[in-house]
Structure formats: C-alpha cells, structure tokens
Amino acid sequence: QVQLAESGGGLVQPGGSLNLSCVVSADILSRNVMAWYRQAPGKQREWVATVAFSASYAVADSVKGRFTASRDSGKNTVDLHMEFLRPEDSGVYYCNTVPAMTSWGQGTQVTVSS
C-alpha cells in the first residue's frame, strides 16, 4: 500500500521554478506534521521544509526566501513550491512525517542545470 508518492521533479535551468507534490495516505496526513527532505548524490539526506497542521511552515536556511511548503487535507497532498533554483538544489526530493517513518517513497528527481 503506497503511503507516500512524490512527483513533479524534472530538469530546470538555474533561476527556474518547480512545484513538487506528495500524495499522502489520509491517515498519515491527518496525524502527522509533514516535511520535505532531499538527497544529493554522495550526500546524506537533509531536511528542507516542515509543514505543520496549521499549514504554517518552516524551511532550511539554504532555501529560505525561495521555497514554500503547504498541505491540502482535501487532496491529501503536501506540496513544495521552489523558485530561483540553483544547481545545489539538485537531488532526489522526498516527503515524510516528522519524525520520519522508516518507509520512504520513491522520491522525485530535481536537476538544476543549464
């Protein structure tokens, strides 16, 4: 049973934008603070953003002013809007709970390159 399914990644030029979405099982979304994480090649997975039940969010300093996060209980999704993308934003992006479950989705690849 799929609980987390990320989508929306792709290849984008520096300065471009992408919208990522994660479909979350309703029972998980209703009971958890959610977050976005990313993993670049050869690096550890890192936290990117957290979305609270109130839909308020926090982002890592490295993406502050460029990324925003949201959640939609009606659609059972957690979204990440990314602007002014940089090459160092490249990686596989995942959504998960806070703290993260041991089970992860397949992630969605984001590549920022000219």
N, C-alpha and C. Protein backbone atom coordinates (compact mmCIF):
# COMPACT_ATOMS: atom_id res chain seq x y z
N GLN A 1 0.85 -1.18 0.00
CA GLN A 1 0.00 0.00 0.00
C GLN A 1 0.89 1.24 0.00
N VAL A 2 0.72 2.06 -1.03
CA VAL A 2 1.54 3.26 -1.17
C VAL A 2 1.08 4.29 -0.16
N GLN A 3 2.01 4.80 0.64
CA GLN A 3 1.66 5.80 1.63
C GLN A 3 2.19 7.17 1.28
N LEU A 4 3.30 7.22 0.55
CA LEU A 4 3.93 8.47 0.16
C LEU A 4 4.29 8.37 -1.32
N ALA A 5 3.85 9.31 -2.14
CA ALA A 5 4.16 9.27 -3.57
C ALA A 5 4.48 10.67 -4.05
N GLU A 6 5.76 10.91 -4.30
CA GLU A 6 6.23 12.23 -4.73
C GLU A 6 6.20 12.34 -6.25
N SER A 7 6.00 13.56 -6.73
CA SER A 7 6.01 13.81 -8.18
C SER A 7 6.32 15.27 -8.43
N GLY A 8 6.57 15.60 -9.68
CA GLY A 8 6.76 16.99 -10.08
C GLY A 8 8.18 17.39 -10.37
N GLY A 9 9.13 16.51 -10.14
CA GLY A 9 10.52 16.84 -10.41
C GLY A 9 10.80 16.93 -11.90
N GLY A 10 12.02 17.32 -12.21
CA GLY A 10 12.41 17.44 -13.61
C GLY A 10 13.71 18.20 -13.76
N LEU A 11 14.01 18.51 -15.00
CA LEU A 11 15.20 19.29 -15.33
C LEU A 11 14.80 20.74 -15.52
N VAL A 12 15.48 21.63 -14.84
CA VAL A 12 15.16 23.05 -14.92
C VAL A 12 16.45 23.85 -14.93
N GLN A 13 16.44 24.98 -15.60
CA GLN A 13 17.61 25.84 -15.65
C GLN A 13 17.75 26.62 -14.34
N PRO A 14 18.96 27.01 -14.01
CA PRO A 14 19.14 27.88 -12.83
C PRO A 14 18.24 29.10 -12.92
N GLY A 15 17.63 29.41 -11.79
CA GLY A 15 16.69 30.53 -11.76
C GLY A 15 15.26 30.12 -12.03
N GLY A 16 15.06 28.89 -12.44
CA GLY A 16 13.73 28.41 -12.76
C GLY A 16 12.94 27.98 -11.55
N SER A 17 11.73 27.46 -11.80
CA SER A 17 10.82 27.06 -10.74
C SER A 17 10.29 25.66 -10.97
N LEU A 18 9.91 25.01 -9.90
CA LEU A 18 9.26 23.71 -9.96
C LEU A 18 8.28 23.60 -8.80
N ASN A 19 7.22 22.84 -9.03
CA ASN A 19 6.28 22.54 -7.97
C ASN A 19 6.27 21.04 -7.74
N LEU A 20 6.62 20.63 -6.54
CA LEU A 20 6.59 19.22 -6.19
C LEU A 20 5.32 18.94 -5.39
N SER A 21 4.82 17.73 -5.56
CA SER A 21 3.64 17.33 -4.81
C SER A 21 3.85 15.93 -4.26
N CYS A 22 3.28 15.66 -3.11
CA CYS A 22 3.39 14.34 -2.49
C CYS A 22 1.99 13.92 -2.05
N VAL A 23 1.51 12.84 -2.62
CA VAL A 23 0.24 12.28 -2.18
C VAL A 23 0.51 11.43 -0.96
N VAL A 24 -0.24 11.70 0.09
CA VAL A 24 -0.02 11.04 1.38
C VAL A 24 -1.29 10.30 1.79
N SER A 25 -1.14 9.14 2.32
CA SER A 25 -2.30 8.42 2.84
C SER A 25 -3.01 9.30 3.87
N ALA A 26 -4.33 9.31 3.80
CA ALA A 26 -5.11 10.23 4.62
C ALA A 26 -4.84 10.04 6.12
N ASP A 27 -4.70 8.83 6.55
CA ASP A 27 -4.50 8.59 7.98
C ASP A 27 -3.15 9.13 8.44
N ILE A 28 -2.15 9.05 7.56
CA ILE A 28 -0.83 9.59 7.89
C ILE A 28 -0.87 11.11 7.92
N LEU A 29 -1.49 11.71 6.90
CA LEU A 29 -1.52 13.17 6.82
C LEU A 29 -2.29 13.77 7.99
N SER A 30 -3.35 13.13 8.41
CA SER A 30 -4.19 13.69 9.46
C SER A 30 -3.54 13.63 10.84
N ARG A 31 -2.56 12.78 10.98
CA ARG A 31 -1.97 12.57 12.32
C ARG A 31 -0.54 13.06 12.45
N ASN A 32 0.03 13.63 11.39
CA ASN A 32 1.45 13.98 11.44
C ASN A 32 1.78 15.35 10.87
N VAL A 33 2.75 15.97 11.50
CA VAL A 33 3.46 17.07 10.86
C VAL A 33 4.24 16.45 9.71
N MET A 34 4.28 17.13 8.59
CA MET A 34 4.93 16.59 7.40
C MET A 34 6.15 17.43 7.03
N ALA A 35 7.04 16.82 6.27
CA ALA A 35 8.26 17.53 5.88
C ALA A 35 8.73 17.07 4.51
N TRP A 36 9.54 17.92 3.91
CA TRP A 36 10.26 17.58 2.68
C TRP A 36 11.73 17.42 3.03
N TYR A 37 12.34 16.44 2.40
CA TYR A 37 13.76 16.16 2.56
C TYR A 37 14.35 16.03 1.16
N ARG A 38 15.66 16.13 1.06
CA ARG A 38 16.31 15.91 -0.23
C ARG A 38 17.65 15.24 -0.02
N GLN A 39 18.08 14.55 -1.06
CA GLN A 39 19.37 13.88 -1.01
C GLN A 39 20.10 14.08 -2.33
N ALA A 40 21.24 14.72 -2.24
CA ALA A 40 22.10 14.91 -3.41
C ALA A 40 23.04 13.72 -3.53
N PRO A 41 23.54 13.46 -4.74
CA PRO A 41 24.46 12.33 -4.92
C PRO A 41 25.66 12.43 -3.99
N GLY A 42 25.95 11.35 -3.30
CA GLY A 42 27.10 11.31 -2.43
C GLY A 42 26.94 12.02 -1.11
N LYS A 43 25.74 12.54 -0.85
CA LYS A 43 25.49 13.28 0.39
C LYS A 43 24.37 12.63 1.19
N GLN A 44 24.33 12.96 2.45
CA GLN A 44 23.26 12.46 3.30
C GLN A 44 21.96 13.20 3.01
N ARG A 45 20.87 12.51 3.28
CA ARG A 45 19.57 13.15 3.14
C ARG A 45 19.48 14.31 4.13
N GLU A 46 18.90 15.43 3.68
CA GLU A 46 18.80 16.59 4.55
C GLU A 46 17.37 17.12 4.57
N TRP A 47 17.05 17.76 5.63
CA TRP A 47 15.74 18.37 5.79
C TRP A 47 15.64 19.64 4.96
N VAL A 48 14.48 19.87 4.34
CA VAL A 48 14.27 21.05 3.51
C VAL A 48 13.17 21.94 4.10
N ALA A 49 12.04 21.33 4.45
CA ALA A 49 10.91 22.14 4.92
C ALA A 49 9.97 21.28 5.76
N THR A 50 9.29 21.94 6.67
CA THR A 50 8.28 21.30 7.51
C THR A 50 6.97 22.04 7.37
N VAL A 51 5.88 21.29 7.31
CA VAL A 51 4.55 21.89 7.24
C VAL A 51 3.73 21.38 8.42
N ALA A 52 3.28 22.31 9.24
CA ALA A 52 2.53 21.95 10.44
C ALA A 52 1.05 21.70 10.11
N PHE A 53 0.31 21.26 11.09
CA PHE A 53 -1.13 21.04 10.90
C PHE A 53 -1.84 22.32 10.51
N SER A 54 -1.36 23.43 11.04
CA SER A 54 -1.97 24.72 10.74
C SER A 54 -1.62 25.22 9.36
N ALA A 55 -0.76 24.48 8.67
CA ALA A 55 -0.23 24.85 7.35
C ALA A 55 0.86 25.90 7.44
N SER A 56 1.21 26.31 8.64
CA SER A 56 2.41 27.15 8.73
C SER A 56 3.60 26.27 8.40
N TYR A 57 4.66 26.90 7.94
CA TYR A 57 5.79 26.09 7.51
C TYR A 57 7.10 26.74 7.91
N ALA A 58 8.13 25.94 7.90
CA ALA A 58 9.49 26.40 8.14
C ALA A 58 10.37 25.76 7.08
N VAL A 59 11.39 26.49 6.67
CA VAL A 59 12.31 25.97 5.67
C VAL A 59 13.75 26.11 6.14
N ALA A 60 14.61 25.31 5.55
CA ALA A 60 16.02 25.38 5.86
C ALA A 60 16.60 26.71 5.41
N ASP A 61 17.64 27.16 6.06
CA ASP A 61 18.25 28.44 5.71
C ASP A 61 18.70 28.47 4.25
N SER A 62 19.12 27.33 3.74
CA SER A 62 19.65 27.27 2.37
C SER A 62 18.58 27.54 1.31
N VAL A 63 17.32 27.42 1.68
CA VAL A 63 16.23 27.62 0.71
C VAL A 63 15.29 28.74 1.13
N LYS A 64 15.60 29.41 2.20
CA LYS A 64 14.74 30.47 2.71
C LYS A 64 14.58 31.58 1.67
N GLY A 65 13.34 32.01 1.50
CA GLY A 65 13.07 33.05 0.52
C GLY A 65 12.88 32.52 -0.88
N ARG A 66 13.11 31.23 -1.08
CA ARG A 66 12.96 30.63 -2.41
C ARG A 66 11.94 29.49 -2.43
N PHE A 67 11.82 28.77 -1.34
CA PHE A 67 10.90 27.62 -1.26
C PHE A 67 9.77 27.92 -0.29
N THR A 68 8.59 27.45 -0.62
CA THR A 68 7.47 27.47 0.32
C THR A 68 6.81 26.09 0.32
N ALA A 69 6.24 25.74 1.46
CA ALA A 69 5.62 24.43 1.61
C ALA A 69 4.18 24.59 2.06
N SER A 70 3.36 23.64 1.67
CA SER A 70 1.94 23.70 2.04
C SER A 70 1.38 22.28 2.13
N ARG A 71 0.17 22.17 2.68
CA ARG A 71 -0.51 20.89 2.75
C ARG A 71 -1.99 21.10 2.45
N ASP A 72 -2.60 20.12 1.86
CA ASP A 72 -4.01 20.20 1.49
C ASP A 72 -4.68 18.91 1.94
N SER A 73 -5.43 19.00 3.02
CA SER A 73 -6.07 17.80 3.56
C SER A 73 -7.18 17.30 2.65
N GLY A 74 -7.74 18.19 1.85
CA GLY A 74 -8.78 17.77 0.93
C GLY A 74 -8.25 16.91 -0.20
N LYS A 75 -7.04 17.21 -0.63
CA LYS A 75 -6.41 16.46 -1.71
C LYS A 75 -5.42 15.42 -1.18
N ASN A 76 -5.20 15.44 0.12
CA ASN A 76 -4.21 14.54 0.75
C ASN A 76 -2.82 14.75 0.15
N THR A 77 -2.43 15.98 0.02
CA THR A 77 -1.12 16.27 -0.56
C THR A 77 -0.31 17.21 0.33
N VAL A 78 0.98 17.11 0.16
CA VAL A 78 1.94 18.05 0.73
C VAL A 78 2.73 18.57 -0.46
N ASP A 79 2.85 19.87 -0.58
CA ASP A 79 3.46 20.47 -1.76
C ASP A 79 4.68 21.30 -1.40
N LEU A 80 5.58 21.42 -2.37
CA LEU A 80 6.77 22.24 -2.20
C LEU A 80 6.92 23.09 -3.46
N HIS A 81 6.81 24.38 -3.29
CA HIS A 81 6.99 25.31 -4.41
C HIS A 81 8.40 25.86 -4.35
N MET A 82 9.14 25.69 -5.42
CA MET A 82 10.54 26.07 -5.45
C MET A 82 10.78 27.11 -6.53
N GLU A 83 11.40 28.20 -6.15
CA GLU A 83 11.73 29.27 -7.11
C GLU A 83 13.23 29.57 -7.04
N PHE A 84 13.69 30.29 -8.06
CA PHE A 84 15.10 30.72 -8.11
C PHE A 84 16.02 29.54 -7.81
N LEU A 85 15.76 28.45 -8.49
CA LEU A 85 16.51 27.24 -8.23
C LEU A 85 17.98 27.39 -8.61
N ARG A 86 18.80 26.69 -7.84
CA ARG A 86 20.25 26.73 -8.02
C ARG A 86 20.75 25.31 -8.28
N PRO A 87 21.90 25.17 -8.89
CA PRO A 87 22.43 23.82 -9.12
C PRO A 87 22.54 23.00 -7.84
N GLU A 88 22.84 23.66 -6.73
CA GLU A 88 22.97 22.92 -5.46
C GLU A 88 21.64 22.45 -4.90
N ASP A 89 20.53 22.83 -5.52
CA ASP A 89 19.23 22.30 -5.13
C ASP A 89 18.95 20.95 -5.77
N SER A 90 19.81 20.52 -6.65
CA SER A 90 19.60 19.24 -7.34
C SER A 90 19.65 18.07 -6.36
N GLY A 91 18.82 17.08 -6.63
CA GLY A 91 18.79 15.90 -5.78
C GLY A 91 17.45 15.20 -5.89
N VAL A 92 17.30 14.16 -5.11
CA VAL A 92 16.02 13.47 -5.04
C VAL A 92 15.26 14.02 -3.83
N TYR A 93 14.04 14.45 -4.08
CA TYR A 93 13.22 15.06 -3.04
C TYR A 93 12.18 14.06 -2.54
N TYR A 94 12.03 14.01 -1.23
CA TYR A 94 11.12 13.08 -0.59
C TYR A 94 10.23 13.84 0.39
N CYS A 95 9.04 13.34 0.58
CA CYS A 95 8.24 13.81 1.71
C CYS A 95 8.14 12.67 2.72
N ASN A 96 7.95 13.05 3.97
CA ASN A 96 7.80 12.07 5.03
C ASN A 96 7.25 12.78 6.25
N THR A 97 6.99 12.03 7.27
CA THR A 97 6.48 12.62 8.51
C THR A 97 7.63 13.21 9.32
N VAL A 98 7.25 13.89 10.42
CA VAL A 98 8.23 14.38 11.38
C VAL A 98 7.91 13.77 12.73
N PRO A 99 8.78 12.94 13.32
CA PRO A 99 9.99 12.40 12.71
C PRO A 99 9.66 11.45 11.56
N ALA A 100 10.65 11.22 10.73
CA ALA A 100 10.41 10.43 9.52
C ALA A 100 10.13 8.97 9.85
N MET A 101 9.20 8.40 9.07
CA MET A 101 8.94 6.97 9.16
C MET A 101 10.13 6.22 8.55
N THR A 102 10.24 4.96 8.83
CA THR A 102 11.31 4.16 8.24
C THR A 102 11.04 3.88 6.77
N SER A 103 9.78 3.94 6.38
CA SER A 103 9.42 3.69 4.99
C SER A 103 9.37 5.01 4.23
N TRP A 104 10.05 5.06 3.08
CA TRP A 104 10.11 6.25 2.25
C TRP A 104 9.48 5.98 0.88
N GLY A 105 9.01 7.02 0.26
CA GLY A 105 8.53 6.90 -1.11
C GLY A 105 9.70 6.80 -2.07
N GLN A 106 9.38 6.80 -3.35
CA GLN A 106 10.43 6.66 -4.37
C GLN A 106 11.16 7.98 -4.62
N GLY A 107 10.58 9.08 -4.15
CA GLY A 107 11.19 10.38 -4.36
C GLY A 107 10.97 10.89 -5.78
N THR A 108 11.33 12.15 -5.99
CA THR A 108 11.24 12.74 -7.32
C THR A 108 12.54 13.50 -7.58
N GLN A 109 13.12 13.28 -8.75
CA GLN A 109 14.42 13.84 -9.09
C GLN A 109 14.28 15.29 -9.55
N VAL A 110 15.09 16.15 -8.96
CA VAL A 110 15.19 17.54 -9.38
C VAL A 110 16.61 17.79 -9.86
N THR A 111 16.73 18.27 -11.07
CA THR A 111 18.05 18.57 -11.62
C THR A 111 18.04 20.02 -12.10
N VAL A 112 18.93 20.80 -11.52
CA VAL A 112 19.04 22.21 -11.90
C VAL A 112 20.35 22.38 -12.65
N SER A 113 20.23 22.62 -13.93
CA SER A 113 21.42 22.68 -14.76
C SER A 113 21.12 23.46 -16.03
N SER A 114 22.15 24.15 -16.51
CA SER A 114 22.00 24.85 -17.78
C SER A 114 22.47 23.98 -18.93
